[in-house]
Amino acid sequence: MKKDWNLIFVAGLFEIGWVVGLNHAFNWWTWGLTLLAIYVSMHLLIIGSRRLPVGTTYAVFTGMGTAGTVLLEIVVFGEPLQWMKLLLIFVLLIGVIGLKVITPEAEGERS
C-alpha cells in the first residue's frame, strides 16, 4: 500500500508541473514537457489507485496538486501572497490528510 501512496504523491508532483505548464508554456519544447507531465501524472494516478480507495486517492491527488500549484505560483512566479489563500490551502490540506488518515487500508484492496 505504501508503494501505491508513493505513486499518488509522484503523480501529484507531475500534476503541479502540468498545471503550471499550461499557464507558462510558450514554445514546442515547453508544450511537449507539459503534455508529458499530463501523461505521467494520469498514468501514475491510475496505477496507484488500483488498490486504494478511489475517492480518497483522487482527493489526495487533487488537493496536493491544488496546494502545490498555488504555492509554486507564489514562490516562483511572484503571484501576490494573500493570507486568506494560505489559510484556505491549510484547510484543504487538513481535509485531505484527514481523509487519508480515517480511510481503512483494507477498504481499497481488490482481488
Protein backbone atom coordinates (compact mmCIF):
# COMPACT_ATOMS: atom_id res chain seq x y z
CA MET A 1 0.00 0.00 0.00
CA LYS A 2 2.82 2.41 0.78
CA LYS A 3 4.13 1.98 -2.76
CA ASP A 4 0.71 2.96 -4.12
CA TRP A 5 0.61 6.11 -1.98
CA ASN A 6 4.12 6.98 -3.16
CA LEU A 7 2.89 6.71 -6.77
CA ILE A 8 0.00 9.04 -5.93
CA PHE A 9 2.46 11.51 -4.39
CA VAL A 10 4.66 11.49 -7.51
CA ALA A 11 1.55 11.80 -9.70
CA GLY A 12 0.62 14.88 -7.67
CA LEU A 13 4.04 16.41 -8.33
CA PHE A 14 3.58 15.86 -12.06
CA GLU A 15 0.10 17.38 -11.79
CA ILE A 16 1.63 20.54 -10.36
CA GLY A 17 4.07 20.52 -13.29
CA TRP A 18 1.43 20.25 -15.99
CA VAL A 19 -0.91 22.81 -14.43
CA VAL A 20 1.93 25.32 -14.24
CA GLY A 21 2.97 24.28 -17.76
CA LEU A 22 -0.49 25.08 -19.13
CA ASN A 23 -0.08 28.63 -17.90
CA HIS A 24 3.58 29.21 -18.75
CA ALA A 25 4.36 27.08 -21.84
CA PHE A 26 5.48 29.24 -24.75
CA ASN A 27 7.13 27.01 -27.39
CA TRP A 28 7.03 23.45 -28.69
CA TRP A 29 9.55 22.24 -26.08
CA THR A 30 7.64 23.57 -23.06
CA TRP A 31 4.34 22.32 -24.51
CA GLY A 32 5.92 18.91 -25.04
CA LEU A 33 7.03 18.81 -21.40
CA THR A 34 3.52 19.83 -20.34
CA LEU A 35 1.97 17.01 -22.37
CA LEU A 36 4.49 14.55 -20.96
CA ALA A 37 3.65 15.69 -17.42
CA ILE A 38 -0.08 15.21 -18.12
CA TYR A 39 0.55 11.67 -19.35
CA VAL A 40 2.85 10.69 -16.46
CA SER A 41 0.52 12.24 -13.88
CA MET A 42 -2.58 10.41 -15.12
CA HIS A 43 -0.70 7.14 -15.68
CA LEU A 44 0.70 7.12 -12.14
CA LEU A 45 -2.70 8.07 -10.73
CA ILE A 46 -4.30 5.09 -12.47
CA ILE A 47 -1.59 2.66 -11.35
CA GLY A 48 -1.55 3.99 -7.79
CA SER A 49 -5.32 3.88 -7.35
CA ARG A 50 -5.74 0.22 -8.35
CA ARG A 51 -5.62 -0.98 -4.74
CA LEU A 52 -6.58 2.22 -2.94
CA PRO A 53 -9.99 3.79 -2.36
CA VAL A 54 -10.66 5.89 -5.44
CA GLY A 55 -12.36 8.79 -3.63
CA THR A 56 -9.58 9.24 -1.11
CA THR A 57 -6.90 8.76 -3.75
CA TYR A 58 -8.39 11.41 -6.00
CA ALA A 59 -8.90 13.81 -3.08
CA VAL A 60 -5.24 13.47 -2.08
CA PHE A 61 -4.10 13.84 -5.70
CA THR A 62 -6.15 16.96 -6.42
CA GLY A 63 -5.55 18.50 -3.01
CA MET A 64 -1.83 18.12 -3.41
CA GLY A 65 -1.99 19.50 -6.93
CA THR A 66 -4.07 22.50 -5.91
CA ALA A 67 -1.97 23.42 -2.90
CA GLY A 68 1.30 22.81 -4.72
CA THR A 69 0.27 24.86 -7.74
CA VAL A 70 -0.79 27.86 -5.64
CA LEU A 71 2.38 27.73 -3.54
CA LEU A 72 4.61 27.35 -6.60
CA GLU A 73 2.94 30.32 -8.28
CA ILE A 74 3.57 32.42 -5.15
CA VAL A 75 7.18 31.34 -4.60
CA VAL A 76 8.48 31.00 -8.17
CA PHE A 77 6.30 33.23 -10.32
CA GLY A 78 5.65 36.15 -7.97
CA GLU A 79 1.89 35.71 -7.52
CA PRO A 80 0.79 38.06 -4.71
CA LEU A 81 0.77 36.44 -1.28
CA GLN A 82 -2.67 36.55 0.32
CA TRP A 83 -3.12 35.24 3.84
CA MET A 84 -6.65 34.06 3.05
CA LYS A 85 -5.25 31.92 0.22
CA LEU A 86 -2.75 30.32 2.59
CA LEU A 87 -5.47 29.73 5.19
CA LEU A 88 -7.69 28.03 2.61
CA ILE A 89 -4.81 25.84 1.42
CA PHE A 90 -4.21 24.86 5.04
CA VAL A 91 -7.89 23.93 5.47
CA LEU A 92 -7.76 21.93 2.21
CA LEU A 93 -4.67 20.04 3.34
CA ILE A 94 -6.21 19.28 6.74
CA GLY A 95 -9.22 17.78 4.95
CA VAL A 96 -7.10 15.70 2.58
CA ILE A 97 -4.85 14.45 5.38
CA GLY A 98 -7.95 13.66 7.46
CA LEU A 99 -9.42 11.60 4.62
CA LYS A 100 -6.21 9.65 4.26
CA VAL A 101 -5.94 9.00 7.99
CA ILE A 102 -9.52 7.78 8.52
CA THR A 103 -9.70 5.61 5.41
CA PRO A 104 -9.02 1.98 6.32
CA GLU A 105 -6.29 0.40 4.21
CA ALA A 106 -8.31 -2.78 3.57
CA GLU A 107 -11.22 -0.82 2.06
CA GLY A 108 -9.38 -0.20 -1.19
CA GLU A 109 -8.00 -3.69 -1.70
CA ARG A 110 -9.38 -5.55 -4.68
CA SER A 111 -8.99 -9.19 -5.63
